[in-house]
């Protein structure tokens, strides 16, 4: 099972915006949130979760502040 979180509002010229981060078997939603926050800070464009633990987008936004608009379920 694979989940996908898309990151929006990237700078138009960001080279990192073309990268995909693959996170294998994340065991804690806090780790997912930290990854989303780092990706937003660096302008990375795509996150794929492979067999993630159950997570709630609301909790991810609670840990990774100011990411509500960029985390799509």
PDB file of N, CA and C in Angstrom:
ATOM      1  N   UNK A   1       0.839  -1.178   0.000  1.00  0.00           N
ATOM      2  CA  UNK A   1       0.000   0.000   0.000  1.00  0.00           C
ATOM      3  C   UNK A   1       0.886   1.244   0.000  1.00  0.00           C
ATOM      4  N   UNK A   2       0.543   2.191  -0.815  1.00  0.00           N
ATOM      5  CA  UNK A   2       1.332   3.419  -0.932  1.00  0.00           C
ATOM      6  C   UNK A   2       0.403   4.606  -0.769  1.00  0.00           C
ATOM      7  N   UNK A   3       0.814   5.575   0.028  1.00  0.00           N
ATOM      8  CA  UNK A   3       0.088   6.830   0.164  1.00  0.00           C
ATOM      9  C   UNK A   3       0.916   7.915  -0.486  1.00  0.00           C
ATOM     10  N   UNK A   4       0.261   8.984  -0.834  1.00  0.00           N
ATOM     11  CA  UNK A   4       0.977  10.068  -1.491  1.00  0.00           C
ATOM     12  C   UNK A   4       0.534  11.392  -0.889  1.00  0.00           C
ATOM     13  N   UNK A   5       1.497  12.233  -0.579  1.00  0.00           N
ATOM     14  CA  UNK A   5       1.213  13.575  -0.105  1.00  0.00           C
ATOM     15  C   UNK A   5       1.859  14.529  -1.088  1.00  0.00           C
ATOM     16  N   UNK A   6       1.070  15.397  -1.662  1.00  0.00           N
ATOM     17  CA  UNK A   6       1.590  16.364  -2.628  1.00  0.00           C
ATOM     18  C   UNK A   6       1.886  17.672  -1.910  1.00  0.00           C
ATOM     19  N   UNK A   7       2.956  18.300  -2.280  1.00  0.00           N
ATOM     20  CA  UNK A   7       3.343  19.581  -1.715  1.00  0.00           C
ATOM     21  C   UNK A   7       3.053  20.650  -2.761  1.00  0.00           C
ATOM     22  N   UNK A   8       2.272  21.650  -2.381  1.00  0.00           N
ATOM     23  CA  UNK A   8       1.874  22.709  -3.317  1.00  0.00           C
ATOM     24  C   UNK A   8       2.652  23.991  -3.028  1.00  0.00           C
ATOM     25  N   UNK A   9       2.408  25.006  -3.844  1.00  0.00           N
ATOM     26  CA  UNK A   9       2.981  26.336  -3.666  1.00  0.00           C
ATOM     27  C   UNK A   9       4.504  26.333  -3.663  1.00  0.00           C
ATOM     28  N   UNK A  10       5.108  25.616  -4.563  1.00  0.00           N
ATOM     29  CA  UNK A  10       6.566  25.595  -4.671  1.00  0.00           C
ATOM     30  C   UNK A  10       7.045  26.787  -5.477  1.00  0.00           C
ATOM     31  N   UNK A  11       8.253  27.258  -5.183  1.00  0.00           N
ATOM     32  CA  UNK A  11       8.811  28.299  -6.037  1.00  0.00           C
ATOM     33  C   UNK A  11       8.919  27.780  -7.472  1.00  0.00           C
ATOM     34  N   UNK A  12       8.593  28.580  -8.471  1.00  0.00           N
ATOM     35  CA  UNK A  12       8.536  28.082  -9.850  1.00  0.00           C
ATOM     36  C   UNK A  12       9.871  27.581 -10.390  1.00  0.00           C
ATOM     37  N   UNK A  13      11.007  28.055  -9.894  1.00  0.00           N
ATOM     38  CA  UNK A  13      12.297  27.666 -10.432  1.00  0.00           C
ATOM     39  C   UNK A  13      13.032  26.658  -9.549  1.00  0.00           C
ATOM     40  N   UNK A  14      12.376  26.093  -8.568  1.00  0.00           N
ATOM     41  CA  UNK A  14      13.032  25.203  -7.638  1.00  0.00           C
ATOM     42  C   UNK A  14      13.452  23.888  -8.303  1.00  0.00           C
ATOM     43  N   UNK A  15      14.740  23.606  -8.302  1.00  0.00           N
ATOM     44  CA  UNK A  15      15.217  22.320  -8.813  1.00  0.00           C
ATOM     45  C   UNK A  15      14.771  21.183  -7.896  1.00  0.00           C
ATOM     46  N   UNK A  16      14.685  21.463  -6.604  1.00  0.00           N
ATOM     47  CA  UNK A  16      14.243  20.434  -5.665  1.00  0.00           C
ATOM     48  C   UNK A  16      12.773  20.089  -5.864  1.00  0.00           C
ATOM     49  N   UNK A  17      12.034  20.952  -6.520  1.00  0.00           N
ATOM     50  CA  UNK A  17      10.629  20.692  -6.781  1.00  0.00           C
ATOM     51  C   UNK A  17      10.401  19.504  -7.689  1.00  0.00           C
ATOM     52  N   UNK A  18      11.444  19.028  -8.331  1.00  0.00           N
ATOM     53  CA  UNK A  18      11.329  17.874  -9.225  1.00  0.00           C
ATOM     54  C   UNK A  18      11.662  16.555  -8.535  1.00  0.00           C
ATOM     55  N   UNK A  19      12.076  16.622  -7.280  1.00  0.00           N
ATOM     56  CA  UNK A  19      12.455  15.408  -6.549  1.00  0.00           C
ATOM     57  C   UNK A  19      11.245  14.731  -5.922  1.00  0.00           C
ATOM     58  N   UNK A  20      11.364  13.435  -5.721  1.00  0.00           N
ATOM     59  CA  UNK A  20      10.379  12.667  -4.968  1.00  0.00           C
ATOM     60  C   UNK A  20      11.089  12.041  -3.780  1.00  0.00           C
ATOM     61  N   UNK A  21      10.554  12.274  -2.594  1.00  0.00           N
ATOM     62  CA  UNK A  21      11.071  11.653  -1.379  1.00  0.00           C
ATOM     63  C   UNK A  21      10.234  10.404  -1.133  1.00  0.00           C
ATOM     64  N   UNK A  22      10.887   9.270  -0.936  1.00  0.00           N
ATOM     65  CA  UNK A  22      10.194   8.017  -0.646  1.00  0.00           C
ATOM     66  C   UNK A  22      10.502   7.642   0.797  1.00  0.00           C
ATOM     67  N   UNK A  23       9.466   7.542   1.597  1.00  0.00           N
ATOM     68  CA  UNK A  23       9.591   7.242   3.019  1.00  0.00           C
ATOM     69  C   UNK A  23       9.056   5.828   3.227  1.00  0.00           C
ATOM     70  N   UNK A  24       9.951   4.895   3.548  1.00  0.00           N
ATOM     71  CA  UNK A  24       9.578   3.492   3.705  1.00  0.00           C
ATOM     72  C   UNK A  24       9.194   3.179   5.138  1.00  0.00           C
ATOM     73  N   UNK A  25       8.023   2.626   5.318  1.00  0.00           N
ATOM     74  CA  UNK A  25       7.535   2.131   6.599  1.00  0.00           C
ATOM     75  C   UNK A  25       7.633   3.145   7.745  1.00  0.00           C
ATOM     76  N   UNK A  26       7.157   4.385   7.560  1.00  0.00           N
ATOM     77  CA  UNK A  26       7.200   5.314   8.689  1.00  0.00           C
ATOM     78  C   UNK A  26       6.349   4.771   9.832  1.00  0.00           C
ATOM     79  N   UNK A  27       6.897   4.801  11.036  1.00  0.00           N
ATOM     80  CA  UNK A  27       6.249   4.179  12.185  1.00  0.00           C
ATOM     81  C   UNK A  27       5.561   5.175  13.100  1.00  0.00           C
ATOM     82  N   UNK A  28       5.727   6.463  12.861  1.00  0.00           N
ATOM     83  CA  UNK A  28       5.138   7.471  13.731  1.00  0.00           C
ATOM     84  C   UNK A  28       4.712   8.663  12.885  1.00  0.00           C
ATOM     85  N   UNK A  29       3.481   9.146  13.055  1.00  0.00           N
ATOM     86  CA  UNK A  29       3.039  10.318  12.300  1.00  0.00           C
ATOM     87  C   UNK A  29       3.911  11.555  12.525  1.00  0.00           C
ATOM     88  N   UNK A  30       4.577  11.633  13.661  1.00  0.00           N
ATOM     89  CA  UNK A  30       5.474  12.765  13.913  1.00  0.00           C
ATOM     90  C   UNK A  30       6.624  12.755  12.914  1.00  0.00           C
ATOM     91  N   UNK A  31       7.103  11.584  12.541  1.00  0.00           N
ATOM     92  CA  UNK A  31       8.162  11.485  11.536  1.00  0.00           C
ATOM     93  C   UNK A  31       7.666  11.949  10.163  1.00  0.00           C
ATOM     94  N   UNK A  32       6.425  11.608   9.849  1.00  0.00           N
ATOM     95  CA  UNK A  32       5.839  12.069   8.586  1.00  0.00           C
ATOM     96  C   UNK A  32       5.741  13.592   8.605  1.00  0.00           C
ATOM     97  N   UNK A  33       5.272  14.148   9.716  1.00  0.00           N
ATOM     98  CA  UNK A  33       5.132  15.600   9.834  1.00  0.00           C
ATOM     99  C   UNK A  33       6.477  16.303   9.710  1.00  0.00           C
ATOM    100  N   UNK A  34       7.505  15.759  10.331  1.00  0.00           N
ATOM    101  CA  UNK A  34       8.837  16.369  10.242  1.00  0.00           C
ATOM    102  C   UNK A  34       9.345  16.355   8.805  1.00  0.00           C
ATOM    103  N   UNK A  35       9.048  15.297   8.096  1.00  0.00           N
ATOM    104  CA  UNK A  35       9.455  15.193   6.699  1.00  0.00           C
ATOM    105  C   UNK A  35       8.717  16.225   5.850  1.00  0.00           C
ATOM    106  N   UNK A  36       7.414  16.359   6.064  1.00  0.00           N
ATOM    107  CA  UNK A  36       6.617  17.345   5.321  1.00  0.00           C
ATOM    108  C   UNK A  36       7.142  18.756   5.588  1.00  0.00           C
ATOM    109  N   UNK A  37       7.447  19.059   6.847  1.00  0.00           N
ATOM    110  CA  UNK A  37       7.958  20.384   7.210  1.00  0.00           C
ATOM    111  C   UNK A  37       9.299  20.662   6.517  1.00  0.00           C
ATOM    112  N   UNK A  38      10.200  19.690   6.545  1.00  0.00           N
ATOM    113  CA  UNK A  38      11.506  19.860   5.901  1.00  0.00           C
ATOM    114  C   UNK A  38      11.345  20.030   4.392  1.00  0.00           C
ATOM    115  N   UNK A  39      10.432  19.261   3.813  1.00  0.00           N
ATOM    116  CA  UNK A  39      10.197  19.367   2.376  1.00  0.00           C
ATOM    117  C   UNK A  39       9.679  20.750   2.014  1.00  0.00           C
ATOM    118  N   UNK A  40       8.750  21.272   2.812  1.00  0.00           N
ATOM    119  CA  UNK A  40       8.226  22.609   2.528  1.00  0.00           C
ATOM    120  C   UNK A  40       9.341  23.641   2.629  1.00  0.00           C
ATOM    121  N   UNK A  41      10.170  23.527   3.651  1.00  0.00           N
ATOM    122  CA  UNK A  41      11.265  24.486   3.836  1.00  0.00           C
ATOM    123  C   UNK A  41      12.245  24.472   2.668  1.00  0.00           C
ATOM    124  N   UNK A  42      12.441  23.308   2.067  1.00  0.00           N
ATOM    125  CA  UNK A  42      13.440  23.168   1.012  1.00  0.00           C
ATOM    126  C   UNK A  42      12.843  23.214  -0.397  1.00  0.00           C
ATOM    127  N   UNK A  43      11.520  23.238  -0.509  1.00  0.00           N
ATOM    128  CA  UNK A  43      10.890  23.303  -1.825  1.00  0.00           C
ATOM    129  C   UNK A  43      10.840  21.979  -2.554  1.00  0.00           C
ATOM    130  N   UNK A  44      10.924  20.871  -1.821  1.00  0.00           N
ATOM    131  CA  UNK A  44      10.832  19.547  -2.440  1.00  0.00           C
ATOM    132  C   UNK A  44       9.374  19.282  -2.796  1.00  0.00           C
ATOM    133  N   UNK A  45       9.162  18.658  -3.960  1.00  0.00           N
ATOM    134  CA  UNK A  45       7.826  18.608  -4.516  1.00  0.00           C
ATOM    135  C   UNK A  45       6.944  17.420  -4.254  1.00  0.00           C
ATOM    136  N   UNK A  46       7.448  16.276  -3.837  1.00  0.00           N
ATOM    137  CA  UNK A  46       6.598  15.090  -3.791  1.00  0.00           C
ATOM    138  C   UNK A  46       7.070  14.137  -2.704  1.00  0.00           C
ATOM    139  N   UNK A  47       6.126  13.628  -1.922  1.00  0.00           N
ATOM    140  CA  UNK A  47       6.429  12.650  -0.876  1.00  0.00           C
ATOM    141  C   UNK A  47       5.579  11.418  -1.110  1.00  0.00           C
ATOM    142  N   UNK A  48       6.222  10.273  -1.110  1.00  0.00           N
ATOM    143  CA  UNK A  48       5.506   8.999  -1.212  1.00  0.00           C
ATOM    144  C   UNK A  48       5.763   8.209   0.057  1.00  0.00           C
ATOM    145  N   UNK A  49       4.682   7.738   0.654  1.00  0.00           N
ATOM    146  CA  UNK A  49       4.753   6.933   1.866  1.00  0.00           C
ATOM    147  C   UNK A  49       4.467   5.485   1.489  1.00  0.00           C
ATOM    148  N   UNK A  50       5.389   4.596   1.813  1.00  0.00           N
ATOM    149  CA  UNK A  50       5.226   3.174   1.517  1.00  0.00           C
ATOM    150  C   UNK A  50       4.901   2.457   2.816  1.00  0.00           C
ATOM    151  N   UNK A  51       3.733   1.877   2.878  1.00  0.00           N
ATOM    152  CA  UNK A  51       3.222   1.167   4.047  1.00  0.00           C
ATOM    153  C   UNK A  51       3.371   2.008   5.325  1.00  0.00           C
ATOM    154  N   UNK A  52       2.745   3.189   5.339  1.00  0.00           N
ATOM    155  CA  UNK A  52       2.860   4.029   6.527  1.00  0.00           C
ATOM    156  C   UNK A  52       1.978   3.530   7.670  1.00  0.00           C
ATOM    157  N   UNK A  53       2.313   3.957   8.867  1.00  0.00           N
ATOM    158  CA  UNK A  53       1.437   3.733   9.999  1.00  0.00           C
ATOM    159  C   UNK A  53       0.170   4.569   9.771  1.00  0.00           C
ATOM    160  N   UNK A  54      -0.907   4.268  10.478  1.00  0.00           N
ATOM    161  CA  UNK A  54      -2.085   5.120  10.335  1.00  0.00           C
ATOM    162  C   UNK A  54      -1.742   6.554  10.761  1.00  0.00           C
ATOM    163  N   UNK A  55      -2.212   7.527   9.986  1.00  0.00           N
ATOM    164  CA  UNK A  55      -1.937   8.918  10.333  1.00  0.00           C
ATOM    165  C   UNK A  55      -3.155   9.777  10.015  1.00  0.00           C
ATOM    166  N   UNK A  56      -3.240  10.882  10.706  1.00  0.00           N
ATOM    167  CA  UNK A  56      -4.323  11.838  10.538  1.00  0.00           C
ATOM    168  C   UNK A  56      -3.720  13.145  10.026  1.00  0.00           C
ATOM    169  N   UNK A  57      -4.173  13.635   8.863  1.00  0.00           N
ATOM    170  CA  UNK A  57      -3.616  14.887   8.340  1.00  0.00           C
ATOM    171  C   UNK A  57      -3.713  16.048   9.333  1.00  0.00           C
ATOM    172  N   UNK A  58      -4.744  16.053  10.178  1.00  0.00           N
ATOM    173  CA  UNK A  58      -4.878  17.103  11.190  1.00  0.00           C
ATOM    174  C   UNK A  58      -3.714  17.056  12.174  1.00  0.00           C
ATOM    175  N   UNK A  59      -3.319  15.857  12.582  1.00  0.00           N
ATOM    176  CA  UNK A  59      -2.193  15.715  13.507  1.00  0.00           C
ATOM    177  C   UNK A  59      -0.879  16.127  12.839  1.00  0.00           C
ATOM    178  N   UNK A  60      -0.733  15.775  11.572  1.00  0.00           N
ATOM    179  CA  UNK A  60       0.477  16.173  10.843  1.00  0.00           C
ATOM    180  C   UNK A  60       0.581  17.692  10.811  1.00  0.00           C
ATOM    181  N   UNK A  61      -0.529  18.375  10.542  1.00  0.00           N
ATOM    182  CA  UNK A  61      -0.513  19.839  10.516  1.00  0.00           C
ATOM    183  C   UNK A  61      -0.258  20.404  11.908  1.00  0.00           C
ATOM    184  N   UNK A  62      -0.719  19.719  12.937  1.00  0.00           N
ATOM    185  CA  UNK A  62      -0.488  20.176  14.303  1.00  0.00           C
ATOM    186  C   UNK A  62       0.977  20.130  14.698  1.00  0.00           C
ATOM    187  N   UNK A  63       1.705  19.183  14.154  1.00  0.00           N
ATOM    188  CA  UNK A  63       3.142  19.060  14.436  1.00  0.00           C
ATOM    189  C   UNK A  63       3.945  19.923  13.473  1.00  0.00           C
ATOM    190  N   UNK A  64       3.598  19.869  12.203  1.00  0.00           N
ATOM    191  CA  UNK A  64       4.300  20.640  11.167  1.00  0.00           C
ATOM    192  C   UNK A  64       3.450  21.867  10.846  1.00  0.00           C
ATOM    193  N   UNK A  65       3.534  22.862  11.694  1.00  0.00           N
ATOM    194  CA  UNK A  65       2.700  24.058  11.574  1.00  0.00           C
ATOM    195  C   UNK A  65       2.816  24.697  10.191  1.00  0.00           C
ATOM    196  N   UNK A  66       1.723  25.302   9.788  1.00  0.00           N
ATOM    197  CA  UNK A  66       1.645  26.027   8.520  1.00  0.00           C
ATOM    198  C   UNK A  66       1.798  25.108   7.305  1.00  0.00           C
ATOM    199  N   UNK A  67       1.315  23.885   7.427  1.00  0.00           N
ATOM    200  CA  UNK A  67       1.340  22.967   6.286  1.00  0.00           C
ATOM    201  C   UNK A  67      -0.060  22.483   5.914  1.00  0.00           C
ATOM    202  N   UNK A  68      -1.083  22.988   6.573  1.00  0.00           N
ATOM    203  CA  UNK A  68      -2.448  22.522   6.317  1.00  0.00           C
ATOM    204  C   UNK A  68      -2.802  22.629   4.837  1.00  0.00           C
ATOM    205  N   UNK A  69      -2.449  23.747   4.225  1.00  0.00           N
ATOM    206  CA  UNK A  69      -2.824  23.970   2.835  1.00  0.00           C
ATOM    207  C   UNK A  69      -2.005  23.146   1.849  1.00  0.00           C
ATOM    208  N   UNK A  70      -0.915  22.560   2.303  1.00  0.00           N
ATOM    209  CA  UNK A  70      -0.082  21.801   1.360  1.00  0.00           C
ATOM    210  C   UNK A  70      -0.161  20.290   1.538  1.00  0.00           C
ATOM    211  N   UNK A  71      -0.778  19.839   2.616  1.00  0.00           N
ATOM    212  CA  UNK A  71      -0.903  18.391   2.821  1.00  0.00           C
ATOM    213  C   UNK A  71      -2.257  17.954   2.266  1.00  0.00           C
ATOM    214  N   UNK A  72      -2.210  17.162   1.224  1.00  0.00           N
ATOM    215  CA  UNK A  72      -3.422  16.608   0.651  1.00  0.00           C
ATOM    216  C   UNK A  72      -3.515  15.146   1.031  1.00  0.00           C
ATOM    217  N   UNK A  73      -4.679  14.746   1.353  1.00  0.00           N
ATOM    218  CA  UNK A  73      -4.856  13.352   1.732  1.00  0.00           C
ATOM    219  C   UNK A  73      -4.888  12.469   0.521  1.00  0.00           C
TER     220      UNK A  73
END
